Amino acid sequence: MAKVLPFLAVDIPIALLGDHKQLLPICEMANDNRIYKPENAAACLWTASAYYLDAALSSDTITDFAACFFGLAPLPQPNYLSQFWLTVSFRYGKKLADVLSECVYDGQLCGKAACGTEILMIDRGREYVKKRTSWHEVQAISAFLSGDREEGSCAVLTP
């Protein structure tokens, strides 16, 4: 989100297009409640996606925003931004879109691609520390791919 802030200084309408569920901001600090301390609240501006921009603009202090970001306080009602959500994807077939809808997009995504897809979903459980890597997933996928598979028959898709 911090990358967007300079655009707000010119007082003109801006449009932010993209999928906040796929391309997360890059921040070297751990993205979990371990950084939720008043002295670290400003770090949230660097780790939050632009999805949280309205919450940042509506919060009285950066500490209030950090509480919203970490789910310790409710997000304020949108005051500054109009948000429109991706609900139909022509990139994914119905089966893949159904999995993404259930696991990532809160039941809001519908796939309309012309071709079908066969999907195997491996659930390794949740890791309670928000990280950008998951060794549980690596081990599960490696075990699956080490079996008898026809070359070129599998693709590994990650969010």
N, C-alpha and C. Protein backbone atom coordinates (compact mmCIF):
# COMPACT_ATOMS: atom_id res chain seq x y z
N MET A 1 0.81 -1.19 0.00
CA MET A 1 0.00 0.00 0.00
C MET A 1 0.86 1.26 0.00
N ALA A 2 1.99 1.23 0.65
CA ALA A 2 2.82 2.43 0.74
C ALA A 2 3.25 2.93 -0.64
N LYS A 3 3.34 2.02 -1.60
CA LYS A 3 3.72 2.43 -2.95
C LYS A 3 2.65 3.30 -3.61
N VAL A 4 1.42 3.21 -3.13
CA VAL A 4 0.31 3.98 -3.69
C VAL A 4 0.24 5.38 -3.11
N LEU A 5 0.75 5.57 -1.92
CA LEU A 5 0.59 6.85 -1.21
C LEU A 5 1.04 8.08 -2.01
N PRO A 6 2.15 8.05 -2.76
CA PRO A 6 2.52 9.26 -3.52
C PRO A 6 1.46 9.70 -4.53
N PHE A 7 0.71 8.75 -5.09
CA PHE A 7 -0.34 9.11 -6.05
C PHE A 7 -1.46 9.90 -5.39
N LEU A 8 -1.65 9.72 -4.11
CA LEU A 8 -2.73 10.43 -3.41
C LEU A 8 -2.42 11.91 -3.23
N ALA A 9 -1.16 12.29 -3.34
CA ALA A 9 -0.75 13.68 -3.13
C ALA A 9 -1.17 14.59 -4.28
N VAL A 10 -1.46 14.05 -5.46
CA VAL A 10 -1.77 14.89 -6.61
C VAL A 10 -3.25 15.20 -6.75
N ASP A 11 -4.08 14.67 -5.86
CA ASP A 11 -5.50 15.00 -5.80
C ASP A 11 -6.23 14.81 -7.13
N ILE A 12 -6.01 13.65 -7.75
CA ILE A 12 -6.76 13.28 -8.95
C ILE A 12 -7.27 11.85 -8.73
N PRO A 13 -8.33 11.49 -9.42
CA PRO A 13 -8.84 10.12 -9.28
C PRO A 13 -7.80 9.11 -9.78
N ILE A 14 -7.68 8.01 -9.08
CA ILE A 14 -6.79 6.94 -9.52
C ILE A 14 -7.57 5.63 -9.52
N ALA A 15 -7.16 4.70 -10.36
CA ALA A 15 -7.76 3.37 -10.41
C ALA A 15 -6.66 2.36 -10.12
N LEU A 16 -6.93 1.46 -9.20
CA LEU A 16 -6.00 0.39 -8.88
C LEU A 16 -6.63 -0.91 -9.37
N LEU A 17 -5.98 -1.56 -10.30
CA LEU A 17 -6.51 -2.79 -10.87
C LEU A 17 -5.57 -3.93 -10.51
N GLY A 18 -6.12 -5.02 -10.09
CA GLY A 18 -5.29 -6.17 -9.76
C GLY A 18 -5.99 -7.09 -8.79
N ASP A 19 -5.33 -8.14 -8.46
CA ASP A 19 -5.88 -9.16 -7.58
C ASP A 19 -5.07 -9.19 -6.30
N HIS A 20 -5.61 -8.61 -5.24
CA HIS A 20 -4.88 -8.53 -3.98
C HIS A 20 -4.67 -9.89 -3.34
N LYS A 21 -5.35 -10.92 -3.82
CA LYS A 21 -5.16 -12.26 -3.28
C LYS A 21 -3.96 -12.96 -3.93
N GLN A 22 -3.51 -12.47 -5.09
CA GLN A 22 -2.41 -13.14 -5.79
C GLN A 22 -1.08 -12.44 -5.62
N LEU A 23 -1.04 -11.15 -5.78
CA LEU A 23 0.23 -10.43 -5.77
C LEU A 23 0.34 -9.61 -4.49
N LEU A 24 0.87 -10.24 -3.48
CA LEU A 24 1.00 -9.57 -2.19
C LEU A 24 2.19 -8.62 -2.19
N PRO A 25 2.15 -7.60 -1.38
CA PRO A 25 3.30 -6.72 -1.26
C PRO A 25 4.50 -7.47 -0.67
N ILE A 26 5.66 -6.97 -0.93
CA ILE A 26 6.87 -7.60 -0.41
C ILE A 26 7.32 -6.83 0.82
N CYS A 27 7.45 -7.52 1.91
CA CYS A 27 7.93 -6.91 3.15
C CYS A 27 8.78 -7.94 3.86
N GLU A 28 9.97 -7.57 4.26
CA GLU A 28 10.88 -8.51 4.91
C GLU A 28 10.50 -8.81 6.35
N MET A 29 9.64 -8.00 6.93
CA MET A 29 9.23 -8.22 8.32
C MET A 29 8.14 -9.30 8.36
N ALA A 30 8.13 -10.11 9.40
CA ALA A 30 7.12 -11.15 9.54
C ALA A 30 5.73 -10.51 9.48
N ASN A 31 4.84 -11.13 8.73
CA ASN A 31 3.51 -10.58 8.52
C ASN A 31 2.52 -11.28 9.46
N ASP A 32 2.69 -11.10 10.74
CA ASP A 32 1.78 -11.69 11.71
C ASP A 32 1.74 -10.79 12.94
N ASN A 33 0.99 -11.22 13.93
CA ASN A 33 0.79 -10.33 15.07
C ASN A 33 2.02 -10.17 15.95
N ARG A 34 3.15 -10.80 15.61
CA ARG A 34 4.37 -10.54 16.37
C ARG A 34 4.85 -9.10 16.19
N ILE A 35 4.51 -8.48 15.06
CA ILE A 35 4.93 -7.09 14.87
C ILE A 35 3.88 -6.11 15.39
N TYR A 36 2.77 -6.63 15.89
CA TYR A 36 1.74 -5.72 16.38
C TYR A 36 2.14 -5.16 17.73
N LYS A 37 2.91 -4.12 17.67
CA LYS A 37 3.31 -3.33 18.83
C LYS A 37 3.22 -1.89 18.35
N PRO A 38 2.87 -0.97 19.21
CA PRO A 38 2.74 0.42 18.76
C PRO A 38 3.96 0.94 18.01
N GLU A 39 5.15 0.55 18.44
CA GLU A 39 6.35 1.07 17.77
C GLU A 39 6.56 0.46 16.37
N ASN A 40 5.84 -0.61 16.04
CA ASN A 40 5.97 -1.24 14.72
C ASN A 40 4.77 -0.99 13.82
N ALA A 41 3.82 -0.18 14.26
CA ALA A 41 2.58 0.00 13.51
C ALA A 41 2.82 0.51 12.10
N ALA A 42 3.81 1.36 11.90
CA ALA A 42 4.08 1.91 10.56
C ALA A 42 4.49 0.83 9.56
N ALA A 43 5.01 -0.29 10.05
CA ALA A 43 5.40 -1.38 9.15
C ALA A 43 4.19 -1.92 8.39
N CYS A 44 3.01 -1.78 8.96
CA CYS A 44 1.80 -2.26 8.28
C CYS A 44 1.58 -1.57 6.95
N LEU A 45 1.99 -0.31 6.84
CA LEU A 45 1.84 0.40 5.57
C LEU A 45 2.65 -0.25 4.47
N TRP A 46 3.74 -0.91 4.81
CA TRP A 46 4.61 -1.54 3.82
C TRP A 46 4.20 -2.97 3.52
N THR A 47 3.54 -3.62 4.45
CA THR A 47 3.18 -5.01 4.23
C THR A 47 1.73 -5.18 3.76
N ALA A 48 0.89 -4.17 3.95
CA ALA A 48 -0.52 -4.27 3.55
C ALA A 48 -0.68 -4.04 2.06
N SER A 49 -1.63 -4.75 1.45
CA SER A 49 -1.94 -4.50 0.05
C SER A 49 -2.82 -3.25 -0.04
N ALA A 50 -3.00 -2.77 -1.26
CA ALA A 50 -3.82 -1.58 -1.47
C ALA A 50 -5.28 -1.82 -1.08
N TYR A 51 -5.66 -3.07 -0.90
CA TYR A 51 -6.99 -3.41 -0.40
C TYR A 51 -7.29 -2.69 0.91
N TYR A 52 -6.27 -2.44 1.71
CA TYR A 52 -6.43 -1.80 3.01
C TYR A 52 -6.31 -0.27 2.95
N LEU A 53 -6.21 0.30 1.77
CA LEU A 53 -6.01 1.74 1.64
C LEU A 53 -7.15 2.53 2.29
N ASP A 54 -8.38 2.12 2.05
CA ASP A 54 -9.50 2.84 2.65
C ASP A 54 -9.45 2.78 4.17
N ALA A 55 -9.08 1.63 4.71
CA ALA A 55 -8.96 1.50 6.17
C ALA A 55 -7.88 2.43 6.71
N ALA A 56 -6.78 2.55 5.96
CA ALA A 56 -5.70 3.44 6.40
C ALA A 56 -6.16 4.89 6.38
N LEU A 57 -6.88 5.28 5.33
CA LEU A 57 -7.36 6.66 5.23
C LEU A 57 -8.44 6.97 6.26
N SER A 58 -9.21 5.96 6.65
CA SER A 58 -10.31 6.16 7.60
C SER A 58 -9.89 6.07 9.06
N SER A 59 -8.72 5.51 9.31
CA SER A 59 -8.27 5.33 10.70
C SER A 59 -7.73 6.64 11.25
N ASP A 60 -7.98 6.88 12.52
CA ASP A 60 -7.50 8.11 13.16
C ASP A 60 -5.99 8.11 13.35
N THR A 61 -5.42 6.95 13.65
CA THR A 61 -3.97 6.86 13.85
C THR A 61 -3.45 5.62 13.15
N ILE A 62 -2.15 5.58 12.95
CA ILE A 62 -1.54 4.41 12.32
C ILE A 62 -1.68 3.18 13.21
N THR A 63 -1.74 3.37 14.52
CA THR A 63 -1.95 2.26 15.45
C THR A 63 -3.35 1.69 15.29
N ASP A 64 -4.35 2.56 15.07
CA ASP A 64 -5.71 2.09 14.81
C ASP A 64 -5.75 1.27 13.52
N PHE A 65 -5.04 1.74 12.49
CA PHE A 65 -4.99 0.99 11.24
C PHE A 65 -4.34 -0.37 11.45
N ALA A 66 -3.25 -0.42 12.20
CA ALA A 66 -2.57 -1.70 12.45
C ALA A 66 -3.52 -2.69 13.12
N ALA A 67 -4.35 -2.21 14.03
CA ALA A 67 -5.32 -3.10 14.69
C ALA A 67 -6.31 -3.67 13.68
N CYS A 68 -6.74 -2.86 12.71
CA CYS A 68 -7.63 -3.35 11.65
C CYS A 68 -6.91 -4.37 10.78
N PHE A 69 -5.67 -4.05 10.43
CA PHE A 69 -4.89 -4.92 9.55
C PHE A 69 -4.70 -6.31 10.16
N PHE A 70 -4.48 -6.37 11.45
CA PHE A 70 -4.26 -7.66 12.11
C PHE A 70 -5.55 -8.30 12.60
N GLY A 71 -6.70 -7.72 12.26
CA GLY A 71 -7.97 -8.32 12.63
C GLY A 71 -8.34 -8.13 14.09
N LEU A 72 -7.66 -7.22 14.77
CA LEU A 72 -7.96 -6.96 16.17
C LEU A 72 -9.07 -5.92 16.33
N ALA A 73 -9.41 -5.28 15.24
CA ALA A 73 -10.51 -4.31 15.20
C ALA A 73 -11.18 -4.47 13.83
N PRO A 74 -12.47 -4.18 13.73
CA PRO A 74 -13.14 -4.33 12.43
C PRO A 74 -12.65 -3.28 11.43
N LEU A 75 -12.66 -3.65 10.15
CA LEU A 75 -12.34 -2.68 9.10
C LEU A 75 -13.46 -1.64 9.06
N PRO A 76 -13.12 -0.36 8.91
CA PRO A 76 -14.17 0.66 8.82
C PRO A 76 -14.94 0.53 7.50
N GLN A 77 -16.15 1.06 7.47
CA GLN A 77 -16.91 1.08 6.23
C GLN A 77 -16.16 1.94 5.21
N PRO A 78 -16.15 1.53 3.93
CA PRO A 78 -15.44 2.33 2.91
C PRO A 78 -15.98 3.76 2.83
N ASN A 79 -15.08 4.72 2.92
CA ASN A 79 -15.46 6.13 2.83
C ASN A 79 -14.90 6.79 1.59
N TYR A 80 -13.75 6.33 1.12
CA TYR A 80 -13.01 7.04 0.09
C TYR A 80 -12.97 6.30 -1.25
N LEU A 81 -13.07 4.98 -1.21
CA LEU A 81 -12.84 4.20 -2.42
C LEU A 81 -14.09 3.44 -2.84
N SER A 82 -14.24 3.29 -4.14
CA SER A 82 -15.24 2.37 -4.68
C SER A 82 -14.50 1.09 -5.02
N GLN A 83 -14.98 -0.02 -4.50
CA GLN A 83 -14.32 -1.29 -4.76
C GLN A 83 -15.25 -2.19 -5.57
N PHE A 84 -14.68 -2.85 -6.54
CA PHE A 84 -15.42 -3.80 -7.36
C PHE A 84 -14.66 -5.11 -7.31
N TRP A 85 -15.37 -6.22 -7.17
CA TRP A 85 -14.73 -7.50 -6.93
C TRP A 85 -14.77 -8.38 -8.17
N LEU A 86 -13.70 -9.14 -8.36
CA LEU A 86 -13.63 -10.15 -9.40
C LEU A 86 -14.57 -11.29 -9.02
N THR A 87 -15.57 -11.55 -9.86
CA THR A 87 -16.49 -12.65 -9.56
C THR A 87 -16.52 -13.69 -10.67
N VAL A 88 -16.11 -13.33 -11.88
CA VAL A 88 -16.09 -14.26 -13.00
C VAL A 88 -14.70 -14.27 -13.60
N SER A 89 -14.15 -15.47 -13.80
CA SER A 89 -12.84 -15.59 -14.42
C SER A 89 -12.94 -16.44 -15.68
N PHE A 90 -12.42 -15.93 -16.78
CA PHE A 90 -12.36 -16.69 -18.02
C PHE A 90 -11.02 -17.41 -18.14
N ARG A 91 -10.18 -17.25 -17.14
CA ARG A 91 -8.87 -17.89 -17.10
C ARG A 91 -8.97 -19.31 -16.55
N TYR A 92 -9.87 -19.55 -15.61
CA TYR A 92 -9.98 -20.83 -14.93
C TYR A 92 -11.26 -21.55 -15.34
N GLY A 93 -11.16 -22.87 -15.47
CA GLY A 93 -12.35 -23.69 -15.67
C GLY A 93 -13.15 -23.76 -14.39
N LYS A 94 -14.33 -24.37 -14.48
CA LYS A 94 -15.24 -24.41 -13.33
C LYS A 94 -14.62 -25.10 -12.12
N LYS A 95 -13.96 -26.24 -12.32
CA LYS A 95 -13.43 -26.99 -11.17
C LYS A 95 -12.36 -26.19 -10.43
N LEU A 96 -11.41 -25.63 -11.17
CA LEU A 96 -10.35 -24.85 -10.52
C LEU A 96 -10.93 -23.59 -9.89
N ALA A 97 -11.84 -22.94 -10.59
CA ALA A 97 -12.46 -21.74 -10.03
C ALA A 97 -13.23 -22.07 -8.75
N ASP A 98 -13.87 -23.25 -8.71
CA ASP A 98 -14.59 -23.65 -7.50
C ASP A 98 -13.64 -23.82 -6.32
N VAL A 99 -12.48 -24.45 -6.56
CA VAL A 99 -11.49 -24.61 -5.49
C VAL A 99 -10.98 -23.25 -5.03
N LEU A 100 -10.61 -22.39 -6.00
CA LEU A 100 -10.13 -21.05 -5.65
C LEU A 100 -11.21 -20.25 -4.93
N SER A 101 -12.44 -20.38 -5.38
CA SER A 101 -13.53 -19.66 -4.75
C SER A 101 -13.69 -20.08 -3.29
N GLU A 102 -13.63 -21.38 -3.05
CA GLU A 102 -13.80 -21.87 -1.68
C GLU A 102 -12.62 -21.54 -0.78
N CYS A 103 -11.40 -21.68 -1.32
CA CYS A 103 -10.20 -21.58 -0.48
C CYS A 103 -9.59 -20.18 -0.42
N VAL A 104 -9.85 -19.35 -1.43
CA VAL A 104 -9.17 -18.06 -1.50
C VAL A 104 -10.15 -16.88 -1.59
N TYR A 105 -11.19 -17.00 -2.40
CA TYR A 105 -12.04 -15.85 -2.72
C TYR A 105 -13.36 -15.81 -1.96
N ASP A 106 -13.44 -16.47 -0.83
CA ASP A 106 -14.63 -16.40 0.04
C ASP A 106 -15.93 -16.73 -0.69
N GLY A 107 -15.88 -17.72 -1.59
CA GLY A 107 -17.09 -18.17 -2.28
C GLY A 107 -17.60 -17.24 -3.36
N GLN A 108 -16.79 -16.31 -3.83
CA GLN A 108 -17.26 -15.28 -4.76
C GLN A 108 -16.82 -15.47 -6.21
N LEU A 109 -16.03 -16.52 -6.54
CA LEU A 109 -15.46 -16.64 -7.88
C LEU A 109 -16.16 -17.73 -8.68
N CYS A 110 -16.44 -17.43 -9.94
CA CYS A 110 -17.08 -18.37 -10.86
C CYS A 110 -16.20 -18.49 -12.11
N GLY A 111 -15.88 -19.72 -12.53
CA GLY A 111 -15.04 -19.92 -13.71
C GLY A 111 -15.86 -20.10 -14.97
N LYS A 112 -15.44 -19.46 -16.05
CA LYS A 112 -16.14 -19.54 -17.33
C LYS A 112 -15.21 -19.92 -18.48
N ALA A 113 -14.06 -20.53 -18.19
CA ALA A 113 -13.13 -20.91 -19.26
C ALA A 113 -13.76 -21.99 -20.13
N ALA A 114 -13.35 -22.03 -21.40
CA ALA A 114 -13.93 -22.97 -22.36
C ALA A 114 -13.51 -24.41 -22.11
N CYS A 115 -12.35 -24.64 -21.50
CA CYS A 115 -11.86 -26.01 -21.31
C CYS A 115 -11.99 -26.42 -19.85
N GLY A 116 -12.03 -27.72 -19.62
CA GLY A 116 -12.14 -28.25 -18.26
C GLY A 116 -10.76 -28.52 -17.67
N THR A 117 -10.74 -28.85 -16.40
CA THR A 117 -9.48 -29.12 -15.70
C THR A 117 -9.72 -30.25 -14.71
N GLU A 118 -8.73 -31.11 -14.55
CA GLU A 118 -8.80 -32.11 -13.48
C GLU A 118 -7.96 -31.59 -12.33
N ILE A 119 -8.51 -31.64 -11.15
CA ILE A 119 -7.84 -31.03 -10.00
C ILE A 119 -7.66 -32.04 -8.89
N LEU A 120 -6.48 -32.05 -8.31
CA LEU A 120 -6.22 -32.77 -7.07
C LEU A 120 -5.84 -31.73 -6.05
N MET A 121 -6.55 -31.69 -4.96
CA MET A 121 -6.24 -30.71 -3.93
C MET A 121 -5.63 -31.45 -2.74
N ILE A 122 -4.48 -30.99 -2.30
CA ILE A 122 -3.79 -31.58 -1.16
C ILE A 122 -3.83 -30.56 -0.03
N ASP A 123 -4.50 -30.92 1.05
CA ASP A 123 -4.61 -30.01 2.19
C ASP A 123 -3.65 -30.48 3.27
N ARG A 124 -2.63 -29.70 3.54
CA ARG A 124 -1.64 -30.04 4.56
C ARG A 124 -1.90 -29.32 5.87
N GLY A 125 -3.06 -28.76 6.01
CA GLY A 125 -3.37 -28.07 7.25
C GLY A 125 -2.81 -26.66 7.25
N ARG A 126 -3.26 -25.91 8.20
CA ARG A 126 -2.87 -24.51 8.27
C ARG A 126 -1.64 -24.34 9.16
N GLU A 127 -0.73 -23.50 8.70
CA GLU A 127 0.37 -23.08 9.55
C GLU A 127 -0.05 -21.76 10.18
N TYR A 128 0.12 -21.63 11.47
CA TYR A 128 -0.44 -20.48 12.17
C TYR A 128 0.46 -19.24 12.15
N VAL A 129 1.61 -19.33 11.51
CA VAL A 129 2.45 -18.16 11.32
C VAL A 129 2.34 -17.80 9.86
N LYS A 130 1.97 -16.56 9.57
CA LYS A 130 1.83 -16.12 8.18
C LYS A 130 3.22 -15.98 7.57
N LYS A 131 3.52 -16.86 6.64
CA LYS A 131 4.81 -16.81 5.95
C LYS A 131 4.54 -16.85 4.46
N ARG A 132 5.55 -16.58 3.69
CA ARG A 132 5.43 -16.66 2.24
C ARG A 132 5.87 -18.03 1.73
N THR A 133 6.24 -18.94 2.61
CA THR A 133 6.64 -20.30 2.23
C THR A 133 5.95 -21.30 3.13
N SER A 134 5.79 -22.53 2.64
CA SER A 134 5.19 -23.60 3.44
C SER A 134 5.91 -24.91 3.12
N TRP A 135 6.73 -25.36 4.03
CA TRP A 135 7.45 -26.63 3.82
C TRP A 135 6.50 -27.80 3.84
N HIS A 136 5.38 -27.71 4.55
CA HIS A 136 4.38 -28.77 4.52
C HIS A 136 3.87 -28.98 3.09
N GLU A 137 3.60 -27.89 2.39
CA GLU A 137 3.13 -27.99 1.00
C GLU A 137 4.20 -28.58 0.10
N VAL A 138 5.44 -28.15 0.27
CA VAL A 138 6.54 -28.66 -0.55
C VAL A 138 6.66 -30.17 -0.39
N GLN A 139 6.61 -30.65 0.83
CA GLN A 139 6.73 -32.09 1.08
C GLN A 139 5.56 -32.86 0.47
N ALA A 140 4.36 -32.36 0.61
CA ALA A 140 3.19 -33.05 0.06
C ALA A 140 3.23 -33.09 -1.46
N ILE A 141 3.58 -31.99 -2.09
CA ILE A 141 3.65 -31.95 -3.56
C ILE A 141 4.78 -32.83 -4.07
N SER A 142 5.93 -32.80 -3.40
CA SER A 142 7.06 -33.66 -3.79
C SER A 142 6.67 -35.13 -3.72
N ALA A 143 5.98 -35.52 -2.66
CA ALA A 143 5.55 -36.92 -2.51
C ALA A 143 4.59 -37.30 -3.63
N PHE A 144 3.67 -36.42 -3.97
CA PHE A 144 2.72 -36.70 -5.05
C PHE A 144 3.42 -36.83 -6.39
N LEU A 145 4.32 -35.90 -6.69
CA LEU A 145 4.99 -35.89 -7.99
C LEU A 145 6.02 -37.01 -8.13
N SER A 146 6.49 -37.58 -7.02
CA SER A 146 7.48 -38.65 -7.12
C SER A 146 6.84 -39.98 -7.52
N GLY A 147 5.52 -40.04 -7.55
CA GLY A 147 4.81 -41.24 -7.98
C GLY A 147 4.88 -41.39 -9.50
N ASP A 148 4.19 -42.39 -10.02
CA ASP A 148 4.16 -42.65 -11.47
C ASP A 148 3.32 -41.59 -12.17
N ARG A 149 3.95 -40.69 -12.85
CA ARG A 149 3.26 -39.62 -13.56
C ARG A 149 3.79 -39.53 -14.98
N GLU A 150 2.89 -39.34 -15.91
CA GLU A 150 3.30 -39.13 -17.30
C GLU A 150 3.90 -37.74 -17.41
N GLU A 151 5.06 -37.63 -18.06
CA GLU A 151 5.73 -36.33 -18.19
C GLU A 151 4.80 -35.32 -18.85
N GLY A 152 4.72 -34.15 -18.26
CA GLY A 152 3.89 -33.08 -18.80
C GLY A 152 2.42 -33.19 -18.42
N SER A 153 2.07 -34.15 -17.56
CA SER A 153 0.66 -34.34 -17.22
C SER A 153 0.22 -33.54 -16.00
N CYS A 154 1.16 -32.93 -15.30
CA CYS A 154 0.83 -32.21 -14.07
C CYS A 154 1.36 -30.79 -14.11
N ALA A 155 0.64 -29.92 -13.45
CA ALA A 155 1.11 -28.56 -13.23
C ALA A 155 0.84 -28.23 -11.77
N VAL A 156 1.76 -27.51 -11.17
CA VAL A 156 1.58 -27.08 -9.78
C VAL A 156 1.23 -25.60 -9.81
N LEU A 157 0.03 -25.27 -9.35
CA LEU A 157 -0.42 -23.89 -9.33
C LEU A 157 -0.41 -23.40 -7.89
N THR A 158 0.20 -22.28 -7.68
CA THR A 158 0.22 -21.70 -6.34
C THR A 158 -0.39 -20.31 -6.41
N PRO A 159 -1.03 -19.87 -5.32
CA PRO A 159 -1.63 -18.53 -5.35
C PRO A 159 -0.59 -17.45 -5.37
